[in-house]
Amino acid sequence: MIVKFFSNAKGGGKEGIDYLLNDIRVHDGTAFVLRGNEHTTRAIIDSISRKQKVTMGAIVFEKEQISDEFKEQLMTNFEELLFPGMKKDQYNILWVQHLDKGKLELNFVI
């Protein structure tokens, strides 16, 4: 398992979500939302006037399959680590699963 935070020199925005959930991946079933709400995340990004709008990254596994229970626990633990003491309504994170590169990626947009 590798955890990566993507470089974001230009501040990021909705383009990152467009990449994660592009029509081809979604149509092929190799990309889909695991947790969070795409439309809410887009609306929050639209409301931010600062240059730095998002933080993006991925948790990457060499094998394509891990149990849904493990994914849920991993996302929960990751959020608790990044947002200690915060309630779920105090932050926004969108989780998108990718399976199109021969490995499992749990991408996040914060």
PDB file of N, CA and C in Angstrom:
ATOM      1  N   MET A   1       0.847  -1.172   0.000  1.00  0.00           N
ATOM      2  CA  MET A   1       0.000   0.000   0.000  1.00  0.00           C
ATOM      3  C   MET A   1       0.890   1.230   0.000  1.00  0.00           C
ATOM      4  N   ILE A   2       0.554   2.180  -0.854  1.00  0.00           N
ATOM      5  CA  ILE A   2       1.276   3.450  -0.943  1.00  0.00           C
ATOM      6  C   ILE A   2       0.259   4.570  -0.784  1.00  0.00           C
ATOM      7  N   VAL A   3       0.603   5.580   0.004  1.00  0.00           N
ATOM      8  CA  VAL A   3      -0.232   6.773   0.127  1.00  0.00           C
ATOM      9  C   VAL A   3       0.502   7.914  -0.561  1.00  0.00           C
ATOM     10  N   LYS A   4      -0.173   8.551  -1.527  1.00  0.00           N
ATOM     11  CA  LYS A   4       0.423   9.661  -2.274  1.00  0.00           C
ATOM     12  C   LYS A   4      -0.479  10.886  -2.173  1.00  0.00           C
ATOM     13  N   PHE A   5       0.136  12.043  -1.957  1.00  0.00           N
ATOM     14  CA  PHE A   5      -0.555  13.311  -2.104  1.00  0.00           C
ATOM     15  C   PHE A   5      -0.048  13.919  -3.407  1.00  0.00           C
ATOM     16  N   PHE A   6      -0.963  14.323  -4.278  1.00  0.00           N
ATOM     17  CA  PHE A   6      -0.585  14.822  -5.586  1.00  0.00           C
ATOM     18  C   PHE A   6      -0.117  16.273  -5.503  1.00  0.00           C
ATOM     19  N   SER A   7       0.837  16.615  -6.360  1.00  0.00           N
ATOM     20  CA  SER A   7       1.306  17.989  -6.472  1.00  0.00           C
ATOM     21  C   SER A   7       0.148  18.863  -6.945  1.00  0.00           C
ATOM     22  N   ASN A   8       0.075  20.051  -6.379  1.00  0.00           N
ATOM     23  CA  ASN A   8      -1.070  20.903  -6.680  1.00  0.00           C
ATOM     24  C   ASN A   8      -0.636  22.366  -6.774  1.00  0.00           C
ATOM     25  N   ALA A   9       0.380  22.640  -7.580  1.00  0.00           N
ATOM     26  CA  ALA A   9       0.940  23.982  -7.671  1.00  0.00           C
ATOM     27  C   ALA A   9      -0.059  25.025  -8.168  1.00  0.00           C
ATOM     28  N   LYS A  10      -1.017  24.608  -8.979  1.00  0.00           N
ATOM     29  CA  LYS A  10      -1.991  25.564  -9.527  1.00  0.00           C
ATOM     30  C   LYS A  10      -3.232  25.708  -8.661  1.00  0.00           C
ATOM     31  N   GLY A  11      -3.300  24.996  -7.550  1.00  0.00           N
ATOM     32  CA  GLY A  11      -4.407  25.161  -6.627  1.00  0.00           C
ATOM     33  C   GLY A  11      -5.515  24.144  -6.767  1.00  0.00           C
ATOM     34  N   GLY A  12      -5.600  23.514  -7.917  1.00  0.00           N
ATOM     35  CA  GLY A  12      -6.602  22.484  -8.119  1.00  0.00           C
ATOM     36  C   GLY A  12      -8.010  23.009  -8.224  1.00  0.00           C
ATOM     37  N   GLY A  13      -8.905  22.128  -8.531  1.00  0.00           N
ATOM     38  CA  GLY A  13     -10.299  22.507  -8.674  1.00  0.00           C
ATOM     39  C   GLY A  13     -11.110  21.348  -9.188  1.00  0.00           C
ATOM     40  N   LYS A  14     -12.170  21.688  -9.885  1.00  0.00           N
ATOM     41  CA  LYS A  14     -13.089  20.666 -10.383  1.00  0.00           C
ATOM     42  C   LYS A  14     -12.452  19.783 -11.452  1.00  0.00           C
ATOM     43  N   GLU A  15     -11.375  20.242 -12.059  1.00  0.00           N
ATOM     44  CA  GLU A  15     -10.701  19.437 -13.085  1.00  0.00           C
ATOM     45  C   GLU A  15     -10.230  18.102 -12.521  1.00  0.00           C
ATOM     46  N   GLY A  16      -9.827  18.112 -11.254  1.00  0.00           N
ATOM     47  CA  GLY A  16      -9.396  16.869 -10.611  1.00  0.00           C
ATOM     48  C   GLY A  16     -10.533  15.859 -10.521  1.00  0.00           C
ATOM     49  N   ILE A  17     -11.718  16.343 -10.196  1.00  0.00           N
ATOM     50  CA  ILE A  17     -12.884  15.451 -10.149  1.00  0.00           C
ATOM     51  C   ILE A  17     -13.231  14.986 -11.554  1.00  0.00           C
ATOM     52  N   ASP A  18     -13.112  15.891 -12.528  1.00  0.00           N
ATOM     53  CA  ASP A  18     -13.363  15.511 -13.928  1.00  0.00           C
ATOM     54  C   ASP A  18     -12.440  14.373 -14.345  1.00  0.00           C
ATOM     55  N   TYR A  19     -11.178  14.442 -13.925  1.00  0.00           N
ATOM     56  CA  TYR A  19     -10.226  13.387 -14.254  1.00  0.00           C
ATOM     57  C   TYR A  19     -10.607  12.077 -13.560  1.00  0.00           C
ATOM     58  N   LEU A  20     -10.911  12.158 -12.277  1.00  0.00           N
ATOM     59  CA  LEU A  20     -11.222  10.941 -11.522  1.00  0.00           C
ATOM     60  C   LEU A  20     -12.481  10.254 -12.024  1.00  0.00           C
ATOM     61  N   LEU A  21     -13.467  11.044 -12.411  1.00  0.00           N
ATOM     62  CA  LEU A  21     -14.753  10.492 -12.825  1.00  0.00           C
ATOM     63  C   LEU A  21     -15.026  10.787 -14.298  1.00  0.00           C
ATOM     64  N   ASN A  22     -14.012  10.597 -15.139  1.00  0.00           N
ATOM     65  CA  ASN A  22     -14.250  10.873 -16.562  1.00  0.00           C
ATOM     66  C   ASN A  22     -15.226   9.866 -17.153  1.00  0.00           C
ATOM     67  N   ASP A  23     -15.878  10.257 -18.222  1.00  0.00           N
ATOM     68  CA  ASP A  23     -16.955   9.461 -18.818  1.00  0.00           C
ATOM     69  C   ASP A  23     -16.524   8.045 -19.184  1.00  0.00           C
ATOM     70  N   ILE A  24     -15.319   7.891 -19.709  1.00  0.00           N
ATOM     71  CA  ILE A  24     -14.855   6.564 -20.138  1.00  0.00           C
ATOM     72  C   ILE A  24     -14.735   5.628 -18.931  1.00  0.00           C
ATOM     73  N   ARG A  25     -14.065   6.101 -17.872  1.00  0.00           N
ATOM     74  CA  ARG A  25     -13.902   5.261 -16.678  1.00  0.00           C
ATOM     75  C   ARG A  25     -15.254   4.909 -16.062  1.00  0.00           C
ATOM     76  N   VAL A  26     -16.124   5.897 -15.949  1.00  0.00           N
ATOM     77  CA  VAL A  26     -17.431   5.655 -15.339  1.00  0.00           C
ATOM     78  C   VAL A  26     -18.230   4.672 -16.192  1.00  0.00           C
ATOM     79  N   HIS A  27     -18.225   4.873 -17.500  1.00  0.00           N
ATOM     80  CA  HIS A  27     -18.952   3.973 -18.408  1.00  0.00           C
ATOM     81  C   HIS A  27     -18.417   2.550 -18.322  1.00  0.00           C
ATOM     82  N   ASP A  28     -17.082   2.416 -18.248  1.00  0.00           N
ATOM     83  CA  ASP A  28     -16.458   1.091 -18.162  1.00  0.00           C
ATOM     84  C   ASP A  28     -16.614   0.453 -16.780  1.00  0.00           C
ATOM     85  N   GLY A  29     -17.063   1.225 -15.802  1.00  0.00           N
ATOM     86  CA  GLY A  29     -17.214   0.702 -14.448  1.00  0.00           C
ATOM     87  C   GLY A  29     -15.909   0.608 -13.685  1.00  0.00           C
ATOM     88  N   THR A  30     -14.868   1.299 -14.166  1.00  0.00           N
ATOM     89  CA  THR A  30     -13.573   1.249 -13.488  1.00  0.00           C
ATOM     90  C   THR A  30     -13.355   2.439 -12.565  1.00  0.00           C
ATOM     91  N   ALA A  31     -14.323   3.358 -12.498  1.00  0.00           N
ATOM     92  CA  ALA A  31     -14.251   4.485 -11.570  1.00  0.00           C
ATOM     93  C   ALA A  31     -15.646   4.763 -11.024  1.00  0.00           C
ATOM     94  N   PHE A  32     -15.712   4.913  -9.705  1.00  0.00           N
ATOM     95  CA  PHE A  32     -16.987   5.248  -9.094  1.00  0.00           C
ATOM     96  C   PHE A  32     -16.749   5.805  -7.693  1.00  0.00           C
ATOM     97  N   VAL A  33     -17.728   6.551  -7.216  1.00  0.00           N
ATOM     98  CA  VAL A  33     -17.652   7.165  -5.894  1.00  0.00           C
ATOM     99  C   VAL A  33     -17.890   6.099  -4.828  1.00  0.00           C
ATOM    100  N   LEU A  34     -16.968   6.037  -3.886  1.00  0.00           N
ATOM    101  CA  LEU A  34     -17.103   5.127  -2.742  1.00  0.00           C
ATOM    102  C   LEU A  34     -17.767   5.823  -1.559  1.00  0.00           C
ATOM    103  N   ARG A  35     -17.410   7.065  -1.355  1.00  0.00           N
ATOM    104  CA  ARG A  35     -17.914   7.814  -0.199  1.00  0.00           C
ATOM    105  C   ARG A  35     -17.861   9.297  -0.538  1.00  0.00           C
ATOM    106  N   GLY A  36     -18.817  10.034  -0.045  1.00  0.00           N
ATOM    107  CA  GLY A  36     -18.883  11.467  -0.318  1.00  0.00           C
ATOM    108  C   GLY A  36     -19.868  11.737  -1.433  1.00  0.00           C
ATOM    109  N   ASN A  37     -19.954  13.005  -1.814  1.00  0.00           N
ATOM    110  CA  ASN A  37     -20.896  13.416  -2.836  1.00  0.00           C
ATOM    111  C   ASN A  37     -20.191  14.310  -3.839  1.00  0.00           C
ATOM    112  N   GLU A  38     -20.138  13.860  -5.070  1.00  0.00           N
ATOM    113  CA  GLU A  38     -19.450  14.614  -6.128  1.00  0.00           C
ATOM    114  C   GLU A  38     -20.004  16.024  -6.256  1.00  0.00           C
ATOM    115  N   HIS A  39     -21.314  16.165  -6.243  1.00  0.00           N
ATOM    116  CA  HIS A  39     -21.941  17.475  -6.462  1.00  0.00           C
ATOM    117  C   HIS A  39     -21.677  18.428  -5.294  1.00  0.00           C
ATOM    118  N   THR A  40     -21.690  17.913  -4.092  1.00  0.00           N
ATOM    119  CA  THR A  40     -21.369  18.735  -2.921  1.00  0.00           C
ATOM    120  C   THR A  40     -19.931  19.202  -2.985  1.00  0.00           C
ATOM    121  N   THR A  41     -19.022  18.302  -3.338  1.00  0.00           N
ATOM    122  CA  THR A  41     -17.610  18.657  -3.438  1.00  0.00           C
ATOM    123  C   THR A  41     -17.395  19.720  -4.504  1.00  0.00           C
ATOM    124  N   ARG A  42     -18.054  19.584  -5.654  1.00  0.00           N
ATOM    125  CA  ARG A  42     -17.948  20.600  -6.713  1.00  0.00           C
ATOM    126  C   ARG A  42     -18.475  21.951  -6.235  1.00  0.00           C
ATOM    127  N   ALA A  43     -19.591  21.945  -5.510  1.00  0.00           N
ATOM    128  CA  ALA A  43     -20.167  23.200  -5.012  1.00  0.00           C
ATOM    129  C   ALA A  43     -19.227  23.874  -4.007  1.00  0.00           C
ATOM    130  N   ILE A  44     -18.599  23.090  -3.152  1.00  0.00           N
ATOM    131  CA  ILE A  44     -17.646  23.655  -2.189  1.00  0.00           C
ATOM    132  C   ILE A  44     -16.463  24.260  -2.928  1.00  0.00           C
ATOM    133  N   ILE A  45     -15.935  23.564  -3.921  1.00  0.00           N
ATOM    134  CA  ILE A  45     -14.819  24.096  -4.706  1.00  0.00           C
ATOM    135  C   ILE A  45     -15.213  25.415  -5.358  1.00  0.00           C
ATOM    136  N   ASP A  46     -16.427  25.480  -5.921  1.00  0.00           N
ATOM    137  CA  ASP A  46     -16.903  26.720  -6.544  1.00  0.00           C
ATOM    138  C   ASP A  46     -16.975  27.873  -5.549  1.00  0.00           C
ATOM    139  N   SER A  47     -17.221  27.568  -4.286  1.00  0.00           N
ATOM    140  CA  SER A  47     -17.396  28.619  -3.283  1.00  0.00           C
ATOM    141  C   SER A  47     -16.074  29.151  -2.728  1.00  0.00           C
ATOM    142  N   ILE A  48     -14.963  28.502  -3.027  1.00  0.00           N
ATOM    143  CA  ILE A  48     -13.665  28.910  -2.479  1.00  0.00           C
ATOM    144  C   ILE A  48     -13.036  29.931  -3.407  1.00  0.00           C
ATOM    145  N   SER A  49     -12.686  31.085  -2.859  1.00  0.00           N
ATOM    146  CA  SER A  49     -12.095  32.143  -3.684  1.00  0.00           C
ATOM    147  C   SER A  49     -10.567  32.103  -3.674  1.00  0.00           C
ATOM    148  N   ARG A  50      -9.975  31.389  -2.759  1.00  0.00           N
ATOM    149  CA  ARG A  50      -8.516  31.297  -2.691  1.00  0.00           C
ATOM    150  C   ARG A  50      -7.961  30.427  -3.813  1.00  0.00           C
ATOM    151  N   LYS A  51      -6.680  30.607  -4.102  1.00  0.00           N
ATOM    152  CA  LYS A  51      -6.047  29.819  -5.168  1.00  0.00           C
ATOM    153  C   LYS A  51      -6.029  28.326  -4.826  1.00  0.00           C
ATOM    154  N   GLN A  52      -5.614  27.980  -3.625  1.00  0.00           N
ATOM    155  CA  GLN A  52      -5.529  26.581  -3.208  1.00  0.00           C
ATOM    156  C   GLN A  52      -6.915  26.096  -2.801  1.00  0.00           C
ATOM    157  N   LYS A  53      -7.548  25.315  -3.649  1.00  0.00           N
ATOM    158  CA  LYS A  53      -8.923  24.899  -3.429  1.00  0.00           C
ATOM    159  C   LYS A  53      -9.039  23.461  -2.918  1.00  0.00           C
ATOM    160  N   VAL A  54      -8.148  22.584  -3.336  1.00  0.00           N
ATOM    161  CA  VAL A  54      -8.268  21.175  -2.974  1.00  0.00           C
ATOM    162  C   VAL A  54      -6.912  20.564  -2.652  1.00  0.00           C
ATOM    163  N   THR A  55      -6.990  19.462  -1.936  1.00  0.00           N
ATOM    164  CA  THR A  55      -5.866  18.553  -1.772  1.00  0.00           C
ATOM    165  C   THR A  55      -6.339  17.217  -2.321  1.00  0.00           C
ATOM    166  N   MET A  56      -5.510  16.611  -3.160  1.00  0.00           N
ATOM    167  CA  MET A  56      -5.873  15.329  -3.775  1.00  0.00           C
ATOM    168  C   MET A  56      -4.754  14.327  -3.553  1.00  0.00           C
ATOM    169  N   GLY A  57      -5.145  13.072  -3.555  1.00  0.00           N
ATOM    170  CA  GLY A  57      -4.157  12.018  -3.428  1.00  0.00           C
ATOM    171  C   GLY A  57      -4.806  10.670  -3.634  1.00  0.00           C
ATOM    172  N   ALA A  58      -4.051   9.625  -3.328  1.00  0.00           N
ATOM    173  CA  ALA A  58      -4.551   8.265  -3.514  1.00  0.00           C
ATOM    174  C   ALA A  58      -3.853   7.307  -2.559  1.00  0.00           C
ATOM    175  N   ILE A  59      -4.595   6.297  -2.182  1.00  0.00           N
ATOM    176  CA  ILE A  59      -4.039   5.140  -1.497  1.00  0.00           C
ATOM    177  C   ILE A  59      -4.053   4.030  -2.538  1.00  0.00           C
ATOM    178  N   VAL A  60      -2.881   3.505  -2.862  1.00  0.00           N
ATOM    179  CA  VAL A  60      -2.732   2.589  -3.991  1.00  0.00           C
ATOM    180  C   VAL A  60      -2.309   1.210  -3.493  1.00  0.00           C
ATOM    181  N   PHE A  61      -2.971   0.192  -4.048  1.00  0.00           N
ATOM    182  CA  PHE A  61      -2.672  -1.204  -3.738  1.00  0.00           C
ATOM    183  C   PHE A  61      -2.236  -1.907  -5.010  1.00  0.00           C
ATOM    184  N   GLU A  62      -1.289  -2.821  -4.897  1.00  0.00           N
ATOM    185  CA  GLU A  62      -0.830  -3.562  -6.069  1.00  0.00           C
ATOM    186  C   GLU A  62      -1.868  -4.539  -6.583  1.00  0.00           C
ATOM    187  N   LYS A  63      -2.673  -5.096  -5.704  1.00  0.00           N
ATOM    188  CA  LYS A  63      -3.707  -6.015  -6.169  1.00  0.00           C
ATOM    189  C   LYS A  63      -5.014  -5.244  -6.362  1.00  0.00           C
ATOM    190  N   GLU A  64      -5.860  -5.759  -7.216  1.00  0.00           N
ATOM    191  CA  GLU A  64      -7.091  -5.057  -7.560  1.00  0.00           C
ATOM    192  C   GLU A  64      -8.190  -5.209  -6.529  1.00  0.00           C
ATOM    193  N   GLN A  65      -8.161  -6.258  -5.753  1.00  0.00           N
ATOM    194  CA  GLN A  65      -9.283  -6.515  -4.858  1.00  0.00           C
ATOM    195  C   GLN A  65      -8.862  -6.544  -3.398  1.00  0.00           C
ATOM    196  N   ILE A  66      -9.565  -5.781  -2.601  1.00  0.00           N
ATOM    197  CA  ILE A  66      -9.541  -5.905  -1.156  1.00  0.00           C
ATOM    198  C   ILE A  66     -11.009  -5.868  -0.734  1.00  0.00           C
ATOM    199  N   SER A  67     -11.304  -6.338   0.429  1.00  0.00           N
ATOM    200  CA  SER A  67     -12.706  -6.422   0.838  1.00  0.00           C
ATOM    201  C   SER A  67     -13.308  -5.028   1.024  1.00  0.00           C
ATOM    202  N   ASP A  68     -14.611  -4.941   0.816  1.00  0.00           N
ATOM    203  CA  ASP A  68     -15.326  -3.682   1.031  1.00  0.00           C
ATOM    204  C   ASP A  68     -15.206  -3.241   2.485  1.00  0.00           C
ATOM    205  N   GLU A  69     -15.208  -4.188   3.396  1.00  0.00           N
ATOM    206  CA  GLU A  69     -15.075  -3.868   4.811  1.00  0.00           C
ATOM    207  C   GLU A  69     -13.722  -3.225   5.102  1.00  0.00           C
ATOM    208  N   PHE A  70     -12.652  -3.768   4.471  1.00  0.00           N
ATOM    209  CA  PHE A  70     -11.323  -3.199   4.665  1.00  0.00           C
ATOM    210  C   PHE A  70     -11.260  -1.792   4.078  1.00  0.00           C
ATOM    211  N   LYS A  71     -11.853  -1.578   2.902  1.00  0.00           N
ATOM    212  CA  LYS A  71     -11.873  -0.239   2.289  1.00  0.00           C
ATOM    213  C   LYS A  71     -12.568   0.756   3.207  1.00  0.00           C
ATOM    214  N   GLU A  72     -13.732   0.367   3.733  1.00  0.00           N
ATOM    215  CA  GLU A  72     -14.489   1.259   4.618  1.00  0.00           C
ATOM    216  C   GLU A  72     -13.673   1.609   5.858  1.00  0.00           C
ATOM    217  N   GLN A  73     -13.045   0.611   6.462  1.00  0.00           N
ATOM    218  CA  GLN A  73     -12.247   0.861   7.664  1.00  0.00           C
ATOM    219  C   GLN A  73     -11.040   1.723   7.340  1.00  0.00           C
ATOM    220  N   LEU A  74     -10.408   1.491   6.206  1.00  0.00           N
ATOM    221  CA  LEU A  74      -9.249   2.282   5.792  1.00  0.00           C
ATOM    222  C   LEU A  74      -9.637   3.744   5.581  1.00  0.00           C
ATOM    223  N   MET A  75     -10.737   3.998   4.882  1.00  0.00           N
ATOM    224  CA  MET A  75     -11.179   5.378   4.659  1.00  0.00           C
ATOM    225  C   MET A  75     -11.510   6.055   5.981  1.00  0.00           C
ATOM    226  N   THR A  76     -12.197   5.357   6.868  1.00  0.00           N
ATOM    227  CA  THR A  76     -12.540   5.908   8.180  1.00  0.00           C
ATOM    228  C   THR A  76     -11.289   6.245   8.977  1.00  0.00           C
ATOM    229  N   ASN A  77     -10.336   5.316   9.032  1.00  0.00           N
ATOM    230  CA  ASN A  77      -9.091   5.547   9.772  1.00  0.00           C
ATOM    231  C   ASN A  77      -8.295   6.707   9.178  1.00  0.00           C
ATOM    232  N   PHE A  78      -8.246   6.793   7.855  1.00  0.00           N
ATOM    233  CA  PHE A  78      -7.524   7.863   7.175  1.00  0.00           C
ATOM    234  C   PHE A  78      -8.145   9.220   7.530  1.00  0.00           C
ATOM    235  N   GLU A  79      -9.469   9.298   7.483  1.00  0.00           N
ATOM    236  CA  GLU A  79     -10.157  10.547   7.823  1.00  0.00           C
ATOM    237  C   GLU A  79      -9.910  10.920   9.281  1.00  0.00           C
ATOM    238  N   GLU A  80      -9.951   9.954  10.171  1.00  0.00           N
ATOM    239  CA  GLU A  80      -9.698  10.231  11.587  1.00  0.00           C
ATOM    240  C   GLU A  80      -8.273  10.722  11.807  1.00  0.00           C
ATOM    241  N   LEU A  81      -7.328  10.200  11.036  1.00  0.00           N
ATOM    242  CA  LEU A  81      -5.938  10.636  11.130  1.00  0.00           C
ATOM    243  C   LEU A  81      -5.768  12.061  10.614  1.00  0.00           C
ATOM    244  N   LEU A  82      -6.404  12.389   9.494  1.00  0.00           N
ATOM    245  CA  LEU A  82      -6.261  13.713   8.896  1.00  0.00           C
ATOM    246  C   LEU A  82      -7.064  14.792   9.612  1.00  0.00           C
ATOM    247  N   PHE A  83      -8.187  14.416  10.202  1.00  0.00           N
ATOM    248  CA  PHE A  83      -9.092  15.385  10.819  1.00  0.00           C
ATOM    249  C   PHE A  83      -9.372  15.030  12.280  1.00  0.00           C
ATOM    250  N   PRO A  84      -8.324  14.968  13.119  1.00  0.00           N
ATOM    251  CA  PRO A  84      -8.539  14.530  14.501  1.00  0.00           C
ATOM    252  C   PRO A  84      -9.476  15.473  15.253  1.00  0.00           C
ATOM    253  N   GLY A  85     -10.443  14.876  15.935  1.00  0.00           N
ATOM    254  CA  GLY A  85     -11.371  15.645  16.735  1.00  0.00           C
ATOM    255  C   GLY A  85     -12.478  16.334  15.959  1.00  0.00           C
ATOM    256  N   MET A  86     -12.445  16.247  14.639  1.00  0.00           N
ATOM    257  CA  MET A  86     -13.479  16.894  13.825  1.00  0.00           C
ATOM    258  C   MET A  86     -14.613  15.916  13.551  1.00  0.00           C
ATOM    259  N   LYS A  87     -15.815  16.470  13.476  1.00  0.00           N
ATOM    260  CA  LYS A  87     -16.968  15.671  13.097  1.00  0.00           C
ATOM    261  C   LYS A  87     -17.089  15.670  11.586  1.00  0.00           C
ATOM    262  N   LYS A  88     -17.791  14.669  11.046  1.00  0.00           N
ATOM    263  CA  LYS A  88     -17.907  14.526   9.592  1.00  0.00           C
ATOM    264  C   LYS A  88     -18.510  15.754   8.914  1.00  0.00           C
ATOM    265  N   ASP A  89     -19.335  16.518   9.625  1.00  0.00           N
ATOM    266  CA  ASP A  89     -19.934  17.699   9.014  1.00  0.00           C
ATOM    267  C   ASP A  89     -19.012  18.922   9.059  1.00  0.00           C
ATOM    268  N   GLN A  90     -17.779  18.731   9.546  1.00  0.00           N
ATOM    269  CA  GLN A  90     -16.813  19.822   9.611  1.00  0.00           C
ATOM    270  C   GLN A  90     -15.759  19.754   8.500  1.00  0.00           C
ATOM    271  N   TYR A  91     -15.819  18.755   7.673  1.00  0.00           N
ATOM    272  CA  TYR A  91     -14.894  18.634   6.544  1.00  0.00           C
ATOM    273  C   TYR A  91     -15.603  17.924   5.397  1.00  0.00           C
ATOM    274  N   ASN A  92     -15.015  18.023   4.222  1.00  0.00           N
ATOM    275  CA  ASN A  92     -15.572  17.334   3.050  1.00  0.00           C
ATOM    276  C   ASN A  92     -14.459  16.526   2.390  1.00  0.00           C
ATOM    277  N   ILE A  93     -14.766  15.273   2.111  1.00  0.00           N
ATOM    278  CA  ILE A  93     -13.826  14.419   1.386  1.00  0.00           C
ATOM    279  C   ILE A  93     -14.626  13.526   0.439  1.00  0.00           C
ATOM    280  N   LEU A  94     -14.172  13.477  -0.784  1.00  0.00           N
ATOM    281  CA  LEU A  94     -14.771  12.629  -1.812  1.00  0.00           C
ATOM    282  C   LEU A  94     -13.804  11.493  -2.091  1.00  0.00           C
ATOM    283  N   TRP A  95     -14.298  10.259  -2.006  1.00  0.00           N
ATOM    284  CA  TRP A  95     -13.490   9.068  -2.281  1.00  0.00           C
ATOM    285  C   TRP A  95     -13.948   8.454  -3.607  1.00  0.00           C
ATOM    286  N   VAL A  96     -12.999   8.259  -4.524  1.00  0.00           N
ATOM    287  CA  VAL A  96     -13.290   7.675  -5.833  1.00  0.00           C
ATOM    288  C   VAL A  96     -12.372   6.478  -6.039  1.00  0.00           C
ATOM    289  N   GLN A  97     -12.968   5.333  -6.344  1.00  0.00           N
ATOM    290  CA  GLN A  97     -12.187   4.124  -6.609  1.00  0.00           C
ATOM    291  C   GLN A  97     -11.863   4.033  -8.086  1.00  0.00           C
ATOM    292  N   HIS A  98     -10.597   3.677  -8.382  1.00  0.00           N
ATOM    293  CA  HIS A  98     -10.148   3.415  -9.756  1.00  0.00           C
ATOM    294  C   HIS A  98      -9.632   1.985  -9.849  1.00  0.00           C
ATOM    295  N   LEU A  99      -9.988   1.313 -10.935  1.00  0.00           N
ATOM    296  CA  LEU A  99      -9.504  -0.039 -11.205  1.00  0.00           C
ATOM    297  C   LEU A  99      -8.945  -0.165 -12.618  1.00  0.00           C
ATOM    298  N   ASP A 100      -8.632   0.938 -13.267  1.00  0.00           N
ATOM    299  CA  ASP A 100      -8.290   0.897 -14.691  1.00  0.00           C
ATOM    300  C   ASP A 100      -6.809   0.727 -14.995  1.00  0.00           C
ATOM    301  N   LYS A 101      -5.956   0.623 -14.001  1.00  0.00           N
ATOM    302  CA  LYS A 101      -4.517   0.519 -14.255  1.00  0.00           C
ATOM    303  C   LYS A 101      -3.937  -0.790 -13.749  1.00  0.00           C
ATOM    304  N   GLY A 102      -4.799  -1.784 -13.551  1.00  0.00           N
ATOM    305  CA  GLY A 102      -4.326  -3.072 -13.072  1.00  0.00           C
ATOM    306  C   GLY A 102      -4.033  -3.103 -11.583  1.00  0.00           C
ATOM    307  N   LYS A 103      -4.456  -2.072 -10.893  1.00  0.00           N
ATOM    308  CA  LYS A 103      -4.286  -2.013  -9.445  1.00  0.00           C
ATOM    309  C   LYS A 103      -5.460  -1.238  -8.877  1.00  0.00           C
ATOM    310  N   LEU A 104      -5.625  -1.290  -7.576  1.00  0.00           N
ATOM    311  CA  LEU A 104      -6.712  -0.592  -6.900  1.00  0.00           C
ATOM    312  C   LEU A 104      -6.205   0.751  -6.398  1.00  0.00           C
ATOM    313  N   GLU A 105      -6.919   1.822  -6.737  1.00  0.00           N
ATOM    314  CA  GLU A 105      -6.601   3.161  -6.228  1.00  0.00           C
ATOM    315  C   GLU A 105      -7.824   3.713  -5.517  1.00  0.00           C
ATOM    316  N   LEU A 106      -7.628   4.154  -4.286  1.00  0.00           N
ATOM    317  CA  LEU A 106      -8.664   4.867  -3.548  1.00  0.00           C
ATOM    318  C   LEU A 106      -8.247   6.341  -3.554  1.00  0.00           C
ATOM    319  N   ASN A 107      -8.799   7.076  -4.492  1.00  0.00           N
ATOM    320  CA  ASN A 107      -8.460   8.494  -4.668  1.00  0.00           C
ATOM    321  C   ASN A 107      -9.314   9.338  -3.740  1.00  0.00           C
ATOM    322  N   PHE A 108      -8.718  10.422  -3.242  1.00  0.00           N
ATOM    323  CA  PHE A 108      -9.463  11.330  -2.372  1.00  0.00           C
ATOM    324  C   PHE A 108      -9.293  12.776  -2.829  1.00  0.00           C
ATOM    325  N   VAL A 109     -10.373  13.538  -2.667  1.00  0.00           N
ATOM    326  CA  VAL A 109     -10.385  14.971  -2.935  1.00  0.00           C
ATOM    327  C   VAL A 109     -10.876  15.633  -1.658  1.00  0.00           C
ATOM    328  N   ILE A 110     -10.057  16.500  -1.077  1.00  0.00           N
ATOM    329  CA  ILE A 110     -10.409  17.178   0.174  1.00  0.00           C
ATOM    330  C   ILE A 110     -10.563  18.659  -0.113  1.00  0.00           C
TER     331      ILE A 110
END
